[in-house]
Amino acid sequence: QVQLVESGGGLVRAGGSLRLSCAASGSSFSISDMAWFLQTPGKQREYVAGITVGGSTNYADSVKGRFTISRDNAKNMMYLQMNSLKPEDTAVYYCRAVVTITSNTYWGQGTQVTVSL
């Protein structure tokens, strides 16, 4: 089992920055890929960015050049640095971890990000 806890969300003005964190515990040594997703009311979760255990990254077009995903495997942490935030970035952001050996997927509880004009 893997437990994920997000933190770092909040209210920020457009153009500002936030850094989200995702702390993994439990069988975190077995985690392979990790990612950030967002969800707005009434919509499905959307992919934001992903990172492999080796550090390869991928981004949704909407956040390229503004968001940076990173992870610290030694500390079982993943981060999302969000710069130049826009009101349309407002959402609940979720951390996801995949354990390849079991094909299990784990989600955190989410953290709210609100970007005002």
PDB file of N, CA and C in Angstrom:
ATOM      1  N   GLN A   1       0.835  -1.188   0.000  1.00  0.00           N
ATOM      2  CA  GLN A   1       0.000   0.000   0.000  1.00  0.00           C
ATOM      3  C   GLN A   1       0.876   1.246   0.000  1.00  0.00           C
ATOM      4  N   VAL A   2       0.382   2.254  -0.687  1.00  0.00           N
ATOM      5  CA  VAL A   2       1.069   3.540  -0.750  1.00  0.00           C
ATOM      6  C   VAL A   2       0.080   4.620  -0.338  1.00  0.00           C
ATOM      7  N   GLN A   3       0.510   5.508   0.516  1.00  0.00           N
ATOM      8  CA  GLN A   3      -0.307   6.657   0.904  1.00  0.00           C
ATOM      9  C   GLN A   3       0.341   7.915   0.338  1.00  0.00           C
ATOM     10  N   LEU A   4      -0.514   8.784  -0.184  1.00  0.00           N
ATOM     11  CA  LEU A   4      -0.049  10.028  -0.787  1.00  0.00           C
ATOM     12  C   LEU A   4      -0.759  11.194  -0.121  1.00  0.00           C
ATOM     13  N   VAL A   5      -0.021  12.211   0.234  1.00  0.00           N
ATOM     14  CA  VAL A   5      -0.589  13.402   0.847  1.00  0.00           C
ATOM     15  C   VAL A   5      -0.066  14.633   0.128  1.00  0.00           C
ATOM     16  N   GLU A   6      -0.973  15.407  -0.454  1.00  0.00           N
ATOM     17  CA  GLU A   6      -0.599  16.640  -1.131  1.00  0.00           C
ATOM     18  C   GLU A   6      -0.650  17.812  -0.158  1.00  0.00           C
ATOM     19  N   SER A   7       0.134  18.817  -0.447  1.00  0.00           N
ATOM     20  CA  SER A   7       0.110  20.060   0.308  1.00  0.00           C
ATOM     21  C   SER A   7       0.614  21.179  -0.577  1.00  0.00           C
ATOM     22  N   GLY A   8       0.406  22.410  -0.106  1.00  0.00           N
ATOM     23  CA  GLY A   8       0.944  23.558  -0.821  1.00  0.00           C
ATOM     24  C   GLY A   8      -0.069  24.350  -1.619  1.00  0.00           C
ATOM     25  N   GLY A   9      -1.302  23.875  -1.676  1.00  0.00           N
ATOM     26  CA  GLY A   9      -2.317  24.626  -2.396  1.00  0.00           C
ATOM     27  C   GLY A   9      -2.699  25.896  -1.665  1.00  0.00           C
ATOM     28  N   GLY A  10      -3.488  26.717  -2.323  1.00  0.00           N
ATOM     29  CA  GLY A  10      -3.926  27.956  -1.696  1.00  0.00           C
ATOM     30  C   GLY A  10      -4.486  28.925  -2.697  1.00  0.00           C
ATOM     31  N   LEU A  11      -4.625  30.168  -2.253  1.00  0.00           N
ATOM     32  CA  LEU A  11      -5.152  31.252  -3.081  1.00  0.00           C
ATOM     33  C   LEU A  11      -4.007  32.145  -3.515  1.00  0.00           C
ATOM     34  N   VAL A  12      -3.931  32.406  -4.800  1.00  0.00           N
ATOM     35  CA  VAL A  12      -2.868  33.247  -5.334  1.00  0.00           C
ATOM     36  C   VAL A  12      -3.437  34.100  -6.459  1.00  0.00           C
ATOM     37  N   ARG A  13      -2.846  35.251  -6.675  1.00  0.00           N
ATOM     38  CA  ARG A  13      -3.292  36.109  -7.772  1.00  0.00           C
ATOM     39  C   ARG A  13      -2.682  35.644  -9.084  1.00  0.00           C
ATOM     40  N   ALA A  14      -3.363  35.975 -10.149  1.00  0.00           N
ATOM     41  CA  ALA A  14      -2.860  35.646 -11.483  1.00  0.00           C
ATOM     42  C   ALA A  14      -1.443  36.201 -11.649  1.00  0.00           C
ATOM     43  N   GLY A  15      -0.589  35.372 -12.225  1.00  0.00           N
ATOM     44  CA  GLY A  15       0.811  35.729 -12.392  1.00  0.00           C
ATOM     45  C   GLY A  15       1.699  35.251 -11.260  1.00  0.00           C
ATOM     46  N   GLY A  16       1.083  34.811 -10.181  1.00  0.00           N
ATOM     47  CA  GLY A  16       1.837  34.354  -9.030  1.00  0.00           C
ATOM     48  C   GLY A  16       2.300  32.918  -9.158  1.00  0.00           C
ATOM     49  N   SER A  17       2.877  32.417  -8.068  1.00  0.00           N
ATOM     50  CA  SER A  17       3.450  31.067  -8.066  1.00  0.00           C
ATOM     51  C   SER A  17       3.004  30.297  -6.838  1.00  0.00           C
ATOM     52  N   LEU A  18       2.971  28.995  -6.995  1.00  0.00           N
ATOM     53  CA  LEU A  18       2.743  28.075  -5.892  1.00  0.00           C
ATOM     54  C   LEU A  18       3.604  26.840  -6.120  1.00  0.00           C
ATOM     55  N   ARG A  19       3.956  26.186  -5.026  1.00  0.00           N
ATOM     56  CA  ARG A  19       4.683  24.919  -5.121  1.00  0.00           C
ATOM     57  C   ARG A  19       3.896  23.859  -4.386  1.00  0.00           C
ATOM     58  N   LEU A  20       3.442  22.873  -5.127  1.00  0.00           N
ATOM     59  CA  LEU A  20       2.726  21.749  -4.527  1.00  0.00           C
ATOM     60  C   LEU A  20       3.723  20.649  -4.172  1.00  0.00           C
ATOM     61  N   SER A  21       3.407  19.956  -3.095  1.00  0.00           N
ATOM     62  CA  SER A  21       4.225  18.827  -2.669  1.00  0.00           C
ATOM     63  C   SER A  21       3.342  17.595  -2.522  1.00  0.00           C
ATOM     64  N   CYS A  22       3.923  16.451  -2.764  1.00  0.00           N
ATOM     65  CA  CYS A  22       3.233  15.175  -2.579  1.00  0.00           C
ATOM     66  C   CYS A  22       4.181  14.267  -1.798  1.00  0.00           C
ATOM     67  N   ALA A  23       3.740  13.888  -0.611  1.00  0.00           N
ATOM     68  CA  ALA A  23       4.545  13.019   0.238  1.00  0.00           C
ATOM     69  C   ALA A  23       4.017  11.592   0.140  1.00  0.00           C
ATOM     70  N   ALA A  24       4.897  10.664  -0.165  1.00  0.00           N
ATOM     71  CA  ALA A  24       4.521   9.252  -0.278  1.00  0.00           C
ATOM     72  C   ALA A  24       5.007   8.492   0.938  1.00  0.00           C
ATOM     73  N   SER A  25       4.197   7.571   1.412  1.00  0.00           N
ATOM     74  CA  SER A  25       4.580   6.721   2.529  1.00  0.00           C
ATOM     75  C   SER A  25       4.037   5.316   2.293  1.00  0.00           C
ATOM     76  N   GLY A  26       4.359   4.430   3.200  1.00  0.00           N
ATOM     77  CA  GLY A  26       3.972   3.043   3.013  1.00  0.00           C
ATOM     78  C   GLY A  26       5.013   2.349   2.162  1.00  0.00           C
ATOM     79  N   SER A  27       4.568   1.623   1.167  1.00  0.00           N
ATOM     80  CA  SER A  27       5.487   0.904   0.278  1.00  0.00           C
ATOM     81  C   SER A  27       5.978   1.820  -0.829  1.00  0.00           C
ATOM     82  N   SER A  28       6.440   2.999  -0.423  1.00  0.00           N
ATOM     83  CA  SER A  28       6.812   4.018  -1.402  1.00  0.00           C
ATOM     84  C   SER A  28       8.030   3.630  -2.216  1.00  0.00           C
ATOM     85  N   PHE A  29       8.819   2.662  -1.703  1.00  0.00           N
ATOM     86  CA  PHE A  29       9.996   2.222  -2.442  1.00  0.00           C
ATOM     87  C   PHE A  29       9.615   1.551  -3.751  1.00  0.00           C
ATOM     88  N   SER A  30       8.358   1.122  -3.852  1.00  0.00           N
ATOM     89  CA  SER A  30       7.900   0.373  -5.028  1.00  0.00           C
ATOM     90  C   SER A  30       7.297   1.282  -6.102  1.00  0.00           C
ATOM     91  N   ILE A  31       7.249   2.581  -5.836  1.00  0.00           N
ATOM     92  CA  ILE A  31       6.633   3.512  -6.785  1.00  0.00           C
ATOM     93  C   ILE A  31       7.510   3.663  -8.018  1.00  0.00           C
ATOM     94  N   SER A  32       6.888   3.639  -9.177  1.00  0.00           N
ATOM     95  CA  SER A  32       7.615   3.924 -10.407  1.00  0.00           C
ATOM     96  C   SER A  32       7.229   5.321 -10.898  1.00  0.00           C
ATOM     97  N   ASP A  33       6.225   5.412 -11.732  1.00  0.00           N
ATOM     98  CA  ASP A  33       5.839   6.715 -12.271  1.00  0.00           C
ATOM     99  C   ASP A  33       4.961   7.492 -11.294  1.00  0.00           C
ATOM    100  N   MET A  34       5.107   8.796 -11.314  1.00  0.00           N
ATOM    101  CA  MET A  34       4.259   9.685 -10.530  1.00  0.00           C
ATOM    102  C   MET A  34       3.760  10.798 -11.434  1.00  0.00           C
ATOM    103  N   ALA A  35       2.641  11.389 -11.037  1.00  0.00           N
ATOM    104  CA  ALA A  35       2.071  12.441 -11.878  1.00  0.00           C
ATOM    105  C   ALA A  35       1.173  13.350 -11.056  1.00  0.00           C
ATOM    106  N   TRP A  36       0.919  14.500 -11.640  1.00  0.00           N
ATOM    107  CA  TRP A  36      -0.055  15.437 -11.105  1.00  0.00           C
ATOM    108  C   TRP A  36      -1.238  15.509 -12.068  1.00  0.00           C
ATOM    109  N   PHE A  37      -2.417  15.521 -11.503  1.00  0.00           N
ATOM    110  CA  PHE A  37      -3.650  15.705 -12.257  1.00  0.00           C
ATOM    111  C   PHE A  37      -4.413  16.863 -11.626  1.00  0.00           C
ATOM    112  N   LEU A  38      -5.330  17.440 -12.375  1.00  0.00           N
ATOM    113  CA  LEU A  38      -6.226  18.439 -11.813  1.00  0.00           C
ATOM    114  C   LEU A  38      -7.667  18.083 -12.149  1.00  0.00           C
ATOM    115  N   GLN A  39      -8.551  18.609 -11.329  1.00  0.00           N
ATOM    116  CA  GLN A  39      -9.973  18.380 -11.558  1.00  0.00           C
ATOM    117  C   GLN A  39     -10.759  19.619 -11.187  1.00  0.00           C
ATOM    118  N   THR A  40     -11.658  20.018 -12.073  1.00  0.00           N
ATOM    119  CA  THR A  40     -12.572  21.117 -11.802  1.00  0.00           C
ATOM    120  C   THR A  40     -13.985  20.538 -11.687  1.00  0.00           C
ATOM    121  N   PRO A  41     -14.872  21.260 -11.025  1.00  0.00           N
ATOM    122  CA  PRO A  41     -16.223  20.735 -10.786  1.00  0.00           C
ATOM    123  C   PRO A  41     -16.919  20.297 -12.067  1.00  0.00           C
ATOM    124  N   GLY A  42     -17.460  19.096 -12.023  1.00  0.00           N
ATOM    125  CA  GLY A  42     -18.219  18.593 -13.149  1.00  0.00           C
ATOM    126  C   GLY A  42     -17.399  18.013 -14.276  1.00  0.00           C
ATOM    127  N   LYS A  43     -16.080  18.017 -14.129  1.00  0.00           N
ATOM    128  CA  LYS A  43     -15.222  17.504 -15.194  1.00  0.00           C
ATOM    129  C   LYS A  43     -14.359  16.348 -14.694  1.00  0.00           C
ATOM    130  N   GLN A  44     -13.852  15.581 -15.645  1.00  0.00           N
ATOM    131  CA  GLN A  44     -12.955  14.492 -15.298  1.00  0.00           C
ATOM    132  C   GLN A  44     -11.571  15.035 -14.950  1.00  0.00           C
ATOM    133  N   ARG A  45     -10.826  14.215 -14.246  1.00  0.00           N
ATOM    134  CA  ARG A  45      -9.457  14.608 -13.927  1.00  0.00           C
ATOM    135  C   ARG A  45      -8.638  14.715 -15.213  1.00  0.00           C
ATOM    136  N   GLU A  46      -7.788  15.724 -15.222  1.00  0.00           N
ATOM    137  CA  GLU A  46      -6.942  15.981 -16.374  1.00  0.00           C
ATOM    138  C   GLU A  46      -5.484  15.842 -15.994  1.00  0.00           C
ATOM    139  N   TYR A  47      -4.726  15.295 -16.889  1.00  0.00           N
ATOM    140  CA  TYR A  47      -3.291  15.134 -16.693  1.00  0.00           C
ATOM    141  C   TYR A  47      -2.608  16.499 -16.754  1.00  0.00           C
ATOM    142  N   VAL A  48      -1.707  16.728 -15.824  1.00  0.00           N
ATOM    143  CA  VAL A  48      -0.944  17.973 -15.788  1.00  0.00           C
ATOM    144  C   VAL A  48       0.516  17.720 -16.146  1.00  0.00           C
ATOM    145  N   ALA A  49       1.129  16.801 -15.428  1.00  0.00           N
ATOM    146  CA  ALA A  49       2.543  16.509 -15.654  1.00  0.00           C
ATOM    147  C   ALA A  49       2.880  15.169 -15.027  1.00  0.00           C
ATOM    148  N   GLY A  50       3.891  14.514 -15.578  1.00  0.00           N
ATOM    149  CA  GLY A  50       4.319  13.230 -15.049  1.00  0.00           C
ATOM    150  C   GLY A  50       5.820  13.130 -14.997  1.00  0.00           C
ATOM    151  N   ILE A  51       6.307  12.232 -14.134  1.00  0.00           N
ATOM    152  CA  ILE A  51       7.737  12.036 -13.991  1.00  0.00           C
ATOM    153  C   ILE A  51       8.018  10.579 -13.671  1.00  0.00           C
ATOM    154  N   THR A  52       9.010  10.012 -14.354  1.00  0.00           N
ATOM    155  CA  THR A  52       9.380   8.625 -14.103  1.00  0.00           C
ATOM    156  C   THR A  52      10.341   8.544 -12.925  1.00  0.00           C
ATOM    157  N   VAL A  53      10.613   7.342 -12.480  1.00  0.00           N
ATOM    158  CA  VAL A  53      11.540   7.175 -11.364  1.00  0.00           C
ATOM    159  C   VAL A  53      12.933   7.647 -11.760  1.00  0.00           C
ATOM    160  N   GLY A  54      13.223   7.606 -13.054  1.00  0.00           N
ATOM    161  CA  GLY A  54      14.521   8.073 -13.531  1.00  0.00           C
ATOM    162  C   GLY A  54      14.588   9.565 -13.786  1.00  0.00           C
ATOM    163  N   GLY A  55      13.452  10.241 -13.669  1.00  0.00           N
ATOM    164  CA  GLY A  55      13.452  11.692 -13.808  1.00  0.00           C
ATOM    165  C   GLY A  55      12.974  12.229 -15.142  1.00  0.00           C
ATOM    166  N   SER A  56      12.551  11.375 -16.045  1.00  0.00           N
ATOM    167  CA  SER A  56      12.009  11.868 -17.310  1.00  0.00           C
ATOM    168  C   SER A  56      10.654  12.504 -17.057  1.00  0.00           C
ATOM    169  N   THR A  57      10.423  13.630 -17.719  1.00  0.00           N
ATOM    170  CA  THR A  57       9.206  14.385 -17.448  1.00  0.00           C
ATOM    171  C   THR A  57       8.365  14.573 -18.702  1.00  0.00           C
ATOM    172  N   ASN A  58       7.096  14.857 -18.464  1.00  0.00           N
ATOM    173  CA  ASN A  58       6.158  15.110 -19.548  1.00  0.00           C
ATOM    174  C   ASN A  58       5.119  16.105 -19.024  1.00  0.00           C
ATOM    175  N   TYR A  59       4.640  16.967 -19.913  1.00  0.00           N
ATOM    176  CA  TYR A  59       3.712  18.015 -19.502  1.00  0.00           C
ATOM    177  C   TYR A  59       2.534  18.126 -20.463  1.00  0.00           C
ATOM    178  N   ALA A  60       1.403  18.507 -19.922  1.00  0.00           N
ATOM    179  CA  ALA A  60       0.280  18.894 -20.760  1.00  0.00           C
ATOM    180  C   ALA A  60       0.649  20.202 -21.458  1.00  0.00           C
ATOM    181  N   ASP A  61       0.139  20.370 -22.663  1.00  0.00           N
ATOM    182  CA  ASP A  61       0.479  21.577 -23.426  1.00  0.00           C
ATOM    183  C   ASP A  61       0.107  22.844 -22.671  1.00  0.00           C
ATOM    184  N   SER A  62      -0.968  22.773 -21.901  1.00  0.00           N
ATOM    185  CA  SER A  62      -1.471  23.963 -21.216  1.00  0.00           C
ATOM    186  C   SER A  62      -0.529  24.482 -20.133  1.00  0.00           C
ATOM    187  N   VAL A  63       0.399  23.657 -19.687  1.00  0.00           N
ATOM    188  CA  VAL A  63       1.284  24.082 -18.590  1.00  0.00           C
ATOM    189  C   VAL A  63       2.753  24.127 -18.991  1.00  0.00           C
ATOM    190  N   LYS A  64       3.057  23.725 -20.201  1.00  0.00           N
ATOM    191  CA  LYS A  64       4.453  23.734 -20.646  1.00  0.00           C
ATOM    192  C   LYS A  64       5.042  25.133 -20.545  1.00  0.00           C
ATOM    193  N   GLY A  65       6.223  25.206 -19.988  1.00  0.00           N
ATOM    194  CA  GLY A  65       6.896  26.487 -19.830  1.00  0.00           C
ATOM    195  C   GLY A  65       6.508  27.242 -18.573  1.00  0.00           C
ATOM    196  N   ARG A  66       5.460  26.781 -17.887  1.00  0.00           N
ATOM    197  CA  ARG A  66       5.019  27.454 -16.655  1.00  0.00           C
ATOM    198  C   ARG A  66       5.176  26.565 -15.427  1.00  0.00           C
ATOM    199  N   PHE A  67       4.942  25.274 -15.594  1.00  0.00           N
ATOM    200  CA  PHE A  67       5.003  24.329 -14.472  1.00  0.00           C
ATOM    201  C   PHE A  67       6.232  23.443 -14.616  1.00  0.00           C
ATOM    202  N   THR A  68       6.782  23.060 -13.475  1.00  0.00           N
ATOM    203  CA  THR A  68       7.918  22.141 -13.459  1.00  0.00           C
ATOM    204  C   THR A  68       7.663  21.046 -12.432  1.00  0.00           C
ATOM    205  N   ILE A  69       7.732  19.808 -12.886  1.00  0.00           N
ATOM    206  CA  ILE A  69       7.556  18.667 -11.993  1.00  0.00           C
ATOM    207  C   ILE A  69       8.924  18.126 -11.610  1.00  0.00           C
ATOM    208  N   SER A  70       9.042  17.698 -10.371  1.00  0.00           N
ATOM    209  CA  SER A  70      10.297  17.104  -9.911  1.00  0.00           C
ATOM    210  C   SER A  70       9.991  16.097  -8.808  1.00  0.00           C
ATOM    211  N   ARG A  71      10.983  15.289  -8.477  1.00  0.00           N
ATOM    212  CA  ARG A  71      10.793  14.327  -7.397  1.00  0.00           C
ATOM    213  C   ARG A  71      12.126  14.091  -6.706  1.00  0.00           C
ATOM    214  N   ASP A  72      12.029  13.729  -5.439  1.00  0.00           N
ATOM    215  CA  ASP A  72      13.190  13.375  -4.641  1.00  0.00           C
ATOM    216  C   ASP A  72      12.936  11.962  -4.146  1.00  0.00           C
ATOM    217  N   ASN A  73      13.509  10.994  -4.817  1.00  0.00           N
ATOM    218  CA  ASN A  73      13.237   9.598  -4.488  1.00  0.00           C
ATOM    219  C   ASN A  73      13.723   9.250  -3.076  1.00  0.00           C
ATOM    220  N   ALA A  74      14.792   9.860  -2.646  1.00  0.00           N
ATOM    221  CA  ALA A  74      15.331   9.567  -1.316  1.00  0.00           C
ATOM    222  C   ALA A  74      14.372  10.018  -0.220  1.00  0.00           C
ATOM    223  N   LYS A  75      13.642  11.089  -0.503  1.00  0.00           N
ATOM    224  CA  LYS A  75      12.702  11.625   0.492  1.00  0.00           C
ATOM    225  C   LYS A  75      11.260  11.212   0.216  1.00  0.00           C
ATOM    226  N   ASN A  76      11.060  10.435  -0.852  1.00  0.00           N
ATOM    227  CA  ASN A  76       9.698  10.009  -1.230  1.00  0.00           C
ATOM    228  C   ASN A  76       8.781  11.202  -1.441  1.00  0.00           C
ATOM    229  N   MET A  77       9.286  12.183  -2.153  1.00  0.00           N
ATOM    230  CA  MET A  77       8.540  13.408  -2.390  1.00  0.00           C
ATOM    231  C   MET A  77       8.449  13.710  -3.885  1.00  0.00           C
ATOM    232  N   MET A  78       7.356  14.333  -4.265  1.00  0.00           N
ATOM    233  CA  MET A  78       7.197  14.853  -5.617  1.00  0.00           C
ATOM    234  C   MET A  78       6.707  16.292  -5.486  1.00  0.00           C
ATOM    235  N   TYR A  79       7.094  17.114  -6.451  1.00  0.00           N
ATOM    236  CA  TYR A  79       6.757  18.529  -6.383  1.00  0.00           C
ATOM    237  C   TYR A  79       6.195  19.010  -7.717  1.00  0.00           C
ATOM    238  N   LEU A  80       5.439  20.094  -7.638  1.00  0.00           N
ATOM    239  CA  LEU A  80       4.991  20.785  -8.847  1.00  0.00           C
ATOM    240  C   LEU A  80       5.165  22.274  -8.598  1.00  0.00           C
ATOM    241  N   GLN A  81       6.159  22.848  -9.244  1.00  0.00           N
ATOM    242  CA  GLN A  81       6.366  24.288  -9.184  1.00  0.00           C
ATOM    243  C   GLN A  81       5.502  24.925 -10.250  1.00  0.00           C
ATOM    244  N   MET A  82       4.601  25.784  -9.833  1.00  0.00           N
ATOM    245  CA  MET A  82       3.642  26.410 -10.741  1.00  0.00           C
ATOM    246  C   MET A  82       3.916  27.908 -10.788  1.00  0.00           C
ATOM    247  N   ASN A  83       4.329  28.388 -11.931  1.00  0.00           N
ATOM    248  CA  ASN A  83       4.605  29.805 -12.128  1.00  0.00           C
ATOM    249  C   ASN A  83       3.636  30.395 -13.136  1.00  0.00           C
ATOM    250  N   SER A  84       3.581  31.713 -13.156  1.00  0.00           N
ATOM    251  CA  SER A  84       2.709  32.420 -14.107  1.00  0.00           C
ATOM    252  C   SER A  84       1.303  31.838 -14.084  1.00  0.00           C
ATOM    253  N   LEU A  85       0.775  31.678 -12.909  1.00  0.00           N
ATOM    254  CA  LEU A  85      -0.533  31.046 -12.767  1.00  0.00           C
ATOM    255  C   LEU A  85      -1.640  31.885 -13.387  1.00  0.00           C
ATOM    256  N   LYS A  86      -2.615  31.187 -13.923  1.00  0.00           N
ATOM    257  CA  LYS A  86      -3.756  31.816 -14.578  1.00  0.00           C
ATOM    258  C   LYS A  86      -5.041  31.388 -13.868  1.00  0.00           C
ATOM    259  N   PRO A  87      -6.089  32.192 -13.964  1.00  0.00           N
ATOM    260  CA  PRO A  87      -7.358  31.789 -13.340  1.00  0.00           C
ATOM    261  C   PRO A  87      -7.834  30.413 -13.809  1.00  0.00           C
ATOM    262  N   GLU A  88      -7.539  30.061 -15.036  1.00  0.00           N
ATOM    263  CA  GLU A  88      -7.972  28.754 -15.540  1.00  0.00           C
ATOM    264  C   GLU A  88      -7.176  27.597 -14.953  1.00  0.00           C
ATOM    265  N   ASP A  89      -6.148  27.880 -14.189  1.00  0.00           N
ATOM    266  CA  ASP A  89      -5.417  26.831 -13.461  1.00  0.00           C
ATOM    267  C   ASP A  89      -6.139  26.443 -12.175  1.00  0.00           C
ATOM    268  N   THR A  90      -7.170  27.198 -11.817  1.00  0.00           N
ATOM    269  CA  THR A  90      -7.928  26.907 -10.604  1.00  0.00           C
ATOM    270  C   THR A  90      -8.528  25.512 -10.670  1.00  0.00           C
ATOM    271  N   ALA A  91      -8.225  24.706  -9.665  1.00  0.00           N
ATOM    272  CA  ALA A  91      -8.676  23.312  -9.650  1.00  0.00           C
ATOM    273  C   ALA A  91      -8.208  22.657  -8.357  1.00  0.00           C
ATOM    274  N   VAL A  92      -8.688  21.443  -8.151  1.00  0.00           N
ATOM    275  CA  VAL A  92      -8.097  20.583  -7.128  1.00  0.00           C
ATOM    276  C   VAL A  92      -7.007  19.768  -7.816  1.00  0.00           C
ATOM    277  N   TYR A  93      -5.828  19.786  -7.243  1.00  0.00           N
ATOM    278  CA  TYR A  93      -4.688  19.086  -7.819  1.00  0.00           C
ATOM    279  C   TYR A  93      -4.440  17.798  -7.030  1.00  0.00           C
ATOM    280  N   TYR A  94      -4.284  16.706  -7.774  1.00  0.00           N
ATOM    281  CA  TYR A  94      -4.098  15.391  -7.177  1.00  0.00           C
ATOM    282  C   TYR A  94      -2.745  14.810  -7.570  1.00  0.00           C
ATOM    283  N   CYS A  95      -2.169  14.129  -6.639  1.00  0.00           N
ATOM    284  CA  CYS A  95      -0.945  13.375  -6.849  1.00  0.00           C
ATOM    285  C   CYS A  95      -1.311  11.920  -7.147  1.00  0.00           C
ATOM    286  N   ARG A  96      -0.644  11.329  -8.118  1.00  0.00           N
ATOM    287  CA  ARG A  96      -0.880   9.924  -8.458  1.00  0.00           C
ATOM    288  C   ARG A  96       0.440   9.183  -8.521  1.00  0.00           C
ATOM    289  N   ALA A  97       0.417   7.973  -7.995  1.00  0.00           N
ATOM    290  CA  ALA A  97       1.601   7.119  -8.049  1.00  0.00           C
ATOM    291  C   ALA A  97       1.231   5.759  -8.611  1.00  0.00           C
ATOM    292  N   VAL A  98       2.117   5.213  -9.384  1.00  0.00           N
ATOM    293  CA  VAL A  98       1.903   3.900  -9.988  1.00  0.00           C
ATOM    294  C   VAL A  98       2.976   2.945  -9.491  1.00  0.00           C
ATOM    295  N   VAL A  99       2.541   1.775  -9.072  1.00  0.00           N
ATOM    296  CA  VAL A  99       3.462   0.706  -8.696  1.00  0.00           C
ATOM    297  C   VAL A  99       3.418  -0.317  -9.813  1.00  0.00           C
ATOM    298  N   THR A 100       4.439  -0.311 -10.647  1.00  0.00           N
ATOM    299  CA  THR A 100       4.422  -1.127 -11.847  1.00  0.00           C
ATOM    300  C   THR A 100       4.322  -2.612 -11.540  1.00  0.00           C
ATOM    301  N   ILE A 101       5.018  -3.068 -10.522  1.00  0.00           N
ATOM    302  CA  ILE A 101       5.086  -4.492 -10.248  1.00  0.00           C
ATOM    303  C   ILE A 101       3.725  -5.073  -9.888  1.00  0.00           C
ATOM    304  N   THR A 102       2.841  -4.262  -9.343  1.00  0.00           N
ATOM    305  CA  THR A 102       1.505  -4.738  -8.974  1.00  0.00           C
ATOM    306  C   THR A 102       0.415  -4.161  -9.872  1.00  0.00           C
ATOM    307  N   SER A 103       0.797  -3.214 -10.717  1.00  0.00           N
ATOM    308  CA  SER A 103      -0.153  -2.490 -11.576  1.00  0.00           C
ATOM    309  C   SER A 103      -1.178  -1.706 -10.768  1.00  0.00           C
ATOM    310  N   ASN A 104      -0.843  -1.374  -9.537  1.00  0.00           N
ATOM    311  CA  ASN A 104      -1.753  -0.581  -8.703  1.00  0.00           C
ATOM    312  C   ASN A 104      -1.488   0.904  -8.875  1.00  0.00           C
ATOM    313  N   THR A 105      -2.561   1.668  -8.792  1.00  0.00           N
ATOM    314  CA  THR A 105      -2.495   3.126  -8.876  1.00  0.00           C
ATOM    315  C   THR A 105      -3.038   3.721  -7.591  1.00  0.00           C
ATOM    316  N   TYR A 106      -2.362   4.713  -7.082  1.00  0.00           N
ATOM    317  CA  TYR A 106      -2.742   5.358  -5.826  1.00  0.00           C
ATOM    318  C   TYR A 106      -2.926   6.852  -6.060  1.00  0.00           C
ATOM    319  N   TRP A 107      -3.890   7.411  -5.338  1.00  0.00           N
ATOM    320  CA  TRP A 107      -4.192   8.843  -5.434  1.00  0.00           C
ATOM    321  C   TRP A 107      -4.145   9.490  -4.056  1.00  0.00           C
ATOM    322  N   GLY A 108      -3.756  10.736  -4.020  1.00  0.00           N
ATOM    323  CA  GLY A 108      -3.854  11.523  -2.814  1.00  0.00           C
ATOM    324  C   GLY A 108      -5.254  12.102  -2.695  1.00  0.00           C
ATOM    325  N   GLN A 109      -5.457  12.896  -1.641  1.00  0.00           N
ATOM    326  CA  GLN A 109      -6.782  13.447  -1.370  1.00  0.00           C
ATOM    327  C   GLN A 109      -7.030  14.758  -2.113  1.00  0.00           C
ATOM    328  N   GLY A 110      -5.976  15.336  -2.648  1.00  0.00           N
ATOM    329  CA  GLY A 110      -6.103  16.571  -3.415  1.00  0.00           C
ATOM    330  C   GLY A 110      -5.827  17.814  -2.607  1.00  0.00           C
ATOM    331  N   THR A 111      -5.389  18.855  -3.296  1.00  0.00           N
ATOM    332  CA  THR A 111      -5.166  20.152  -2.672  1.00  0.00           C
ATOM    333  C   THR A 111      -5.722  21.222  -3.595  1.00  0.00           C
ATOM    334  N   GLN A 112      -6.449  22.164  -3.025  1.00  0.00           N
ATOM    335  CA  GLN A 112      -7.140  23.190  -3.823  1.00  0.00           C
ATOM    336  C   GLN A 112      -6.178  24.306  -4.206  1.00  0.00           C
ATOM    337  N   VAL A 113      -6.195  24.640  -5.472  1.00  0.00           N
ATOM    338  CA  VAL A 113      -5.467  25.801  -5.976  1.00  0.00           C
ATOM    339  C   VAL A 113      -6.482  26.759  -6.584  1.00  0.00           C
ATOM    340  N   THR A 114      -6.470  27.984  -6.097  1.00  0.00           N
ATOM    341  CA  THR A 114      -7.389  28.996  -6.604  1.00  0.00           C
ATOM    342  C   THR A 114      -6.575  30.197  -7.065  1.00  0.00           C
ATOM    343  N   VAL A 115      -6.770  30.582  -8.323  1.00  0.00           N
ATOM    344  CA  VAL A 115      -6.044  31.711  -8.896  1.00  0.00           C
ATOM    345  C   VAL A 115      -7.048  32.814  -9.199  1.00  0.00           C
ATOM    346  N   SER A 116      -6.879  33.953  -8.576  1.00  0.00           N
ATOM    347  CA  SER A 116      -7.797  35.073  -8.757  1.00  0.00           C
ATOM    348  C   SER A 116      -7.225  36.078  -9.753  1.00  0.00           C
ATOM    349  N   LEU A 117      -8.114  36.891 -10.283  1.00  0.00           N
ATOM    350  CA  LEU A 117      -7.679  37.929 -11.218  1.00  0.00           C
ATOM    351  C   LEU A 117      -6.951  39.043 -10.492  1.00  0.00           C
TER     352      LEU A 117
END
